[in-house]
Amino acid sequence: MSDLNDLSKAIAEVPEEPLLPIEKKLIAGSLTLGIVLLVGLGIVNHFLPIATV
């Protein structure tokens, strides 16, 4: 258990670093792409629903 305590102390001592501008752009791009694909899937599902048996 000593190793876990040492690890948690070491992690707590690491200062937080702000996100880089490219990281912010990647996050925004991923969220935008996810929302666009989700809306696109909803539209496709609306016009081409799966046929029920």
PDB file of N, CA and C in Angstrom:
ATOM      1  N   MET A   1       0.815  -1.197   0.000  1.00  0.00           N
ATOM      2  CA  MET A   1       0.000   0.000   0.000  1.00  0.00           C
ATOM      3  C   MET A   1       0.855   1.254   0.000  1.00  0.00           C
ATOM      4  N   SER A   2       2.089   1.106   0.424  1.00  0.00           N
ATOM      5  CA  SER A   2       2.977   2.261   0.476  1.00  0.00           C
ATOM      6  C   SER A   2       3.183   2.855  -0.920  1.00  0.00           C
ATOM      7  N   ASP A   3       3.258   1.964  -1.915  1.00  0.00           N
ATOM      8  CA  ASP A   3       3.444   2.446  -3.282  1.00  0.00           C
ATOM      9  C   ASP A   3       2.259   3.287  -3.744  1.00  0.00           C
ATOM     10  N   LEU A   4       1.048   2.857  -3.362  1.00  0.00           N
ATOM     11  CA  LEU A   4      -0.134   3.620  -3.747  1.00  0.00           C
ATOM     12  C   LEU A   4      -0.147   4.984  -3.072  1.00  0.00           C
ATOM     13  N   ASN A   5       0.255   5.034  -1.821  1.00  0.00           N
ATOM     14  CA  ASN A   5       0.301   6.309  -1.118  1.00  0.00           C
ATOM     15  C   ASN A   5       1.340   7.237  -1.746  1.00  0.00           C
ATOM     16  N   ASP A   6       2.498   6.679  -2.074  1.00  0.00           N
ATOM     17  CA  ASP A   6       3.538   7.476  -2.721  1.00  0.00           C
ATOM     18  C   ASP A   6       3.068   7.995  -4.079  1.00  0.00           C
ATOM     19  N   LEU A   7       2.378   7.139  -4.814  1.00  0.00           N
ATOM     20  CA  LEU A   7       1.890   7.536  -6.133  1.00  0.00           C
ATOM     21  C   LEU A   7       0.838   8.637  -6.019  1.00  0.00           C
ATOM     22  N   SER A   8      -0.085   8.493  -5.084  1.00  0.00           N
ATOM     23  CA  SER A   8      -1.122   9.516  -4.941  1.00  0.00           C
ATOM     24  C   SER A   8      -0.522  10.845  -4.485  1.00  0.00           C
ATOM     25  N   LYS A   9       0.499  10.792  -3.641  1.00  0.00           N
ATOM     26  CA  LYS A   9       1.171  12.027  -3.215  1.00  0.00           C
ATOM     27  C   LYS A   9       1.900  12.668  -4.396  1.00  0.00           C
ATOM     28  N   ALA A  10       2.558  11.852  -5.196  1.00  0.00           N
ATOM     29  CA  ALA A  10       3.299  12.371  -6.345  1.00  0.00           C
ATOM     30  C   ALA A  10       2.341  13.007  -7.357  1.00  0.00           C
ATOM     31  N   ILE A  11       1.198  12.373  -7.578  1.00  0.00           N
ATOM     32  CA  ILE A  11       0.218  12.918  -8.516  1.00  0.00           C
ATOM     33  C   ILE A  11      -0.353  14.222  -7.977  1.00  0.00           C
ATOM     34  N   ALA A  12      -0.582  14.290  -6.667  1.00  0.00           N
ATOM     35  CA  ALA A  12      -1.150  15.504  -6.067  1.00  0.00           C
ATOM     36  C   ALA A  12      -0.177  16.677  -6.152  1.00  0.00           C
ATOM     37  N   GLU A  13       1.112  16.387  -6.171  1.00  0.00           N
ATOM     38  CA  GLU A  13       2.111  17.448  -6.195  1.00  0.00           C
ATOM     39  C   GLU A  13       2.370  18.013  -7.596  1.00  0.00           C
ATOM     40  N   VAL A  14       1.915  17.314  -8.631  1.00  0.00           N
ATOM     41  CA  VAL A  14       2.150  17.775  -9.997  1.00  0.00           C
ATOM     42  C   VAL A  14       1.243  18.979 -10.272  1.00  0.00           C
ATOM     43  N   PRO A  15       1.812  20.095 -10.691  1.00  0.00           N
ATOM     44  CA  PRO A  15       0.975  21.271 -10.963  1.00  0.00           C
ATOM     45  C   PRO A  15       0.134  21.062 -12.222  1.00  0.00           C
ATOM     46  N   GLU A  16      -1.063  21.661 -12.218  1.00  0.00           N
ATOM     47  CA  GLU A  16      -1.932  21.559 -13.382  1.00  0.00           C
ATOM     48  C   GLU A  16      -1.380  22.437 -14.499  1.00  0.00           C
ATOM     49  N   GLU A  17      -1.472  21.925 -15.712  1.00  0.00           N
ATOM     50  CA  GLU A  17      -1.016  22.677 -16.870  1.00  0.00           C
ATOM     51  C   GLU A  17      -2.222  23.064 -17.704  1.00  0.00           C
ATOM     52  N   PRO A  18      -2.268  24.282 -18.208  1.00  0.00           N
ATOM     53  CA  PRO A  18      -3.401  24.668 -19.059  1.00  0.00           C
ATOM     54  C   PRO A  18      -3.335  23.935 -20.399  1.00  0.00           C
ATOM     55  N   LEU A  19      -4.498  23.821 -21.025  1.00  0.00           N
ATOM     56  CA  LEU A  19      -4.537  23.181 -22.339  1.00  0.00           C
ATOM     57  C   LEU A  19      -3.867  24.075 -23.372  1.00  0.00           C
ATOM     58  N   LEU A  20      -3.166  23.448 -24.287  1.00  0.00           N
ATOM     59  CA  LEU A  20      -2.564  24.170 -25.393  1.00  0.00           C
ATOM     60  C   LEU A  20      -3.656  24.555 -26.388  1.00  0.00           C
ATOM     61  N   PRO A  21      -3.428  25.612 -27.184  1.00  0.00           N
ATOM     62  CA  PRO A  21      -4.441  26.008 -28.171  1.00  0.00           C
ATOM     63  C   PRO A  21      -4.801  24.881 -29.142  1.00  0.00           C
ATOM     64  N   ILE A  22      -3.832  24.087 -29.552  1.00  0.00           N
ATOM     65  CA  ILE A  22      -4.134  22.996 -30.481  1.00  0.00           C
ATOM     66  C   ILE A  22      -4.988  21.939 -29.800  1.00  0.00           C
ATOM     67  N   GLU A  23      -4.793  21.726 -28.497  1.00  0.00           N
ATOM     68  CA  GLU A  23      -5.618  20.766 -27.778  1.00  0.00           C
ATOM     69  C   GLU A  23      -7.061  21.253 -27.682  1.00  0.00           C
ATOM     70  N   LYS A  24      -7.229  22.555 -27.483  1.00  0.00           N
ATOM     71  CA  LYS A  24      -8.579  23.125 -27.438  1.00  0.00           C
ATOM     72  C   LYS A  24      -9.260  22.962 -28.787  1.00  0.00           C
ATOM     73  N   LYS A  25      -8.502  23.170 -29.875  1.00  0.00           N
ATOM     74  CA  LYS A  25      -9.066  23.025 -31.216  1.00  0.00           C
ATOM     75  C   LYS A  25      -9.437  21.570 -31.488  1.00  0.00           C
ATOM     76  N   LEU A  26      -8.609  20.636 -31.038  1.00  0.00           N
ATOM     77  CA  LEU A  26      -8.907  19.221 -31.238  1.00  0.00           C
ATOM     78  C   LEU A  26     -10.151  18.801 -30.462  1.00  0.00           C
ATOM     79  N   ILE A  27     -10.293  19.293 -29.239  1.00  0.00           N
ATOM     80  CA  ILE A  27     -11.477  18.980 -28.436  1.00  0.00           C
ATOM     81  C   ILE A  27     -12.723  19.550 -29.101  1.00  0.00           C
ATOM     82  N   ALA A  28     -12.659  20.807 -29.517  1.00  0.00           N
ATOM     83  CA  ALA A  28     -13.809  21.436 -30.170  1.00  0.00           C
ATOM     84  C   ALA A  28     -14.155  20.716 -31.474  1.00  0.00           C
ATOM     85  N   GLY A  29     -13.140  20.353 -32.232  1.00  0.00           N
ATOM     86  CA  GLY A  29     -13.380  19.643 -33.484  1.00  0.00           C
ATOM     87  C   GLY A  29     -14.010  18.284 -33.262  1.00  0.00           C
ATOM     88  N   SER A  30     -13.564  17.572 -32.249  1.00  0.00           N
ATOM     89  CA  SER A  30     -14.130  16.257 -31.949  1.00  0.00           C
ATOM     90  C   SER A  30     -15.580  16.366 -31.515  1.00  0.00           C
ATOM     91  N   LEU A  31     -15.877  17.349 -30.653  1.00  0.00           N
ATOM     92  CA  LEU A  31     -17.257  17.541 -30.221  1.00  0.00           C
ATOM     93  C   LEU A  31     -18.151  17.944 -31.385  1.00  0.00           C
ATOM     94  N   THR A  32     -17.657  18.832 -32.234  1.00  0.00           N
ATOM     95  CA  THR A  32     -18.429  19.267 -33.395  1.00  0.00           C
ATOM     96  C   THR A  32     -18.691  18.100 -34.338  1.00  0.00           C
ATOM     97  N   LEU A  33     -17.668  17.321 -34.618  1.00  0.00           N
ATOM     98  CA  LEU A  33     -17.828  16.172 -35.503  1.00  0.00           C
ATOM     99  C   LEU A  33     -18.831  15.176 -34.917  1.00  0.00           C
ATOM    100  N   GLY A  34     -18.758  14.929 -33.624  1.00  0.00           N
ATOM    101  CA  GLY A  34     -19.692  14.008 -32.982  1.00  0.00           C
ATOM    102  C   GLY A  34     -21.127  14.482 -33.087  1.00  0.00           C
ATOM    103  N   ILE A  35     -21.347  15.767 -32.853  1.00  0.00           N
ATOM    104  CA  ILE A  35     -22.706  16.315 -32.933  1.00  0.00           C
ATOM    105  C   ILE A  35     -23.216  16.275 -34.371  1.00  0.00           C
ATOM    106  N   VAL A  36     -22.371  16.639 -35.329  1.00  0.00           N
ATOM    107  CA  VAL A  36     -22.774  16.616 -36.741  1.00  0.00           C
ATOM    108  C   VAL A  36     -23.126  15.195 -37.170  1.00  0.00           C
ATOM    109  N   LEU A  37     -22.313  14.223 -36.787  1.00  0.00           N
ATOM    110  CA  LEU A  37     -22.595  12.839 -37.155  1.00  0.00           C
ATOM    111  C   LEU A  37     -23.865  12.323 -36.484  1.00  0.00           C
ATOM    112  N   LEU A  38     -24.098  12.721 -35.237  1.00  0.00           N
ATOM    113  CA  LEU A  38     -25.306  12.310 -34.534  1.00  0.00           C
ATOM    114  C   LEU A  38     -26.554  12.894 -35.197  1.00  0.00           C
ATOM    115  N   VAL A  39     -26.500  14.165 -35.573  1.00  0.00           N
ATOM    116  CA  VAL A  39     -27.624  14.798 -36.266  1.00  0.00           C
ATOM    117  C   VAL A  39     -27.822  14.134 -37.630  1.00  0.00           C
ATOM    118  N   GLY A  40     -26.728  13.866 -38.331  1.00  0.00           N
ATOM    119  CA  GLY A  40     -26.824  13.196 -39.633  1.00  0.00           C
ATOM    120  C   GLY A  40     -27.446  11.815 -39.509  1.00  0.00           C
ATOM    121  N   LEU A  41     -27.081  11.077 -38.500  1.00  0.00           N
ATOM    122  CA  LEU A  41     -27.665   9.749 -38.280  1.00  0.00           C
ATOM    123  C   LEU A  41     -29.154   9.870 -37.976  1.00  0.00           C
ATOM    124  N   GLY A  42     -29.525  10.886 -37.204  1.00  0.00           N
ATOM    125  CA  GLY A  42     -30.941  11.100 -36.916  1.00  0.00           C
ATOM    126  C   GLY A  42     -31.741  11.412 -38.167  1.00  0.00           C
ATOM    127  N   ILE A  43     -31.168  12.227 -39.050  1.00  0.00           N
ATOM    128  CA  ILE A  43     -31.846  12.566 -40.302  1.00  0.00           C
ATOM    129  C   ILE A  43     -31.983  11.329 -41.195  1.00  0.00           C
ATOM    130  N   VAL A  44     -30.908  10.568 -41.314  1.00  0.00           N
ATOM    131  CA  VAL A  44     -30.954   9.346 -42.130  1.00  0.00           C
ATOM    132  C   VAL A  44     -31.979   8.381 -41.553  1.00  0.00           C
ATOM    133  N   ASN A  45     -32.023   8.249 -40.235  1.00  0.00           N
ATOM    134  CA  ASN A  45     -32.966   7.340 -39.593  1.00  0.00           C
ATOM    135  C   ASN A  45     -34.405   7.817 -39.796  1.00  0.00           C
ATOM    136  N   HIS A  46     -34.591   9.128 -39.875  1.00  0.00           N
ATOM    137  CA  HIS A  46     -35.935   9.666 -40.078  1.00  0.00           C
ATOM    138  C   HIS A  46     -36.452   9.345 -41.486  1.00  0.00           C
ATOM    139  N   PHE A  47     -35.600   9.486 -42.484  1.00  0.00           N
ATOM    140  CA  PHE A  47     -36.014   9.277 -43.869  1.00  0.00           C
ATOM    141  C   PHE A  47     -35.865   7.827 -44.328  1.00  0.00           C
ATOM    142  N   LEU A  48     -34.984   7.068 -43.719  1.00  0.00           N
ATOM    143  CA  LEU A  48     -34.787   5.658 -44.074  1.00  0.00           C
ATOM    144  C   LEU A  48     -34.852   4.792 -42.825  1.00  0.00           C
ATOM    145  N   PRO A  49     -36.027   4.657 -42.238  1.00  0.00           N
ATOM    146  CA  PRO A  49     -36.117   3.861 -40.998  1.00  0.00           C
ATOM    147  C   PRO A  49     -35.891   2.383 -41.286  1.00  0.00           C
ATOM    148  N   ILE A  50     -35.489   1.666 -40.286  1.00  0.00           N
ATOM    149  CA  ILE A  50     -35.294   0.213 -40.428  1.00  0.00           C
ATOM    150  C   ILE A  50     -36.672  -0.434 -40.491  1.00  0.00           C
ATOM    151  N   ALA A  51     -36.865  -1.287 -41.487  1.00  0.00           N
ATOM    152  CA  ALA A  51     -38.155  -1.941 -41.666  1.00  0.00           C
ATOM    153  C   ALA A  51     -38.372  -2.955 -40.542  1.00  0.00           C
ATOM    154  N   THR A  52     -39.530  -2.876 -39.908  1.00  0.00           N
ATOM    155  CA  THR A  52     -39.863  -3.850 -38.863  1.00  0.00           C
ATOM    156  C   THR A  52     -40.556  -5.044 -39.481  1.00  0.00           C
ATOM    157  N   VAL A  53     -40.291  -6.191 -38.909  1.00  0.00           N
ATOM    158  CA  VAL A  53     -40.845  -7.446 -39.459  1.00  0.00           C
ATOM    159  C   VAL A  53     -42.170  -7.744 -38.848  1.00  0.00           C
TER     160      VAL A  53
END
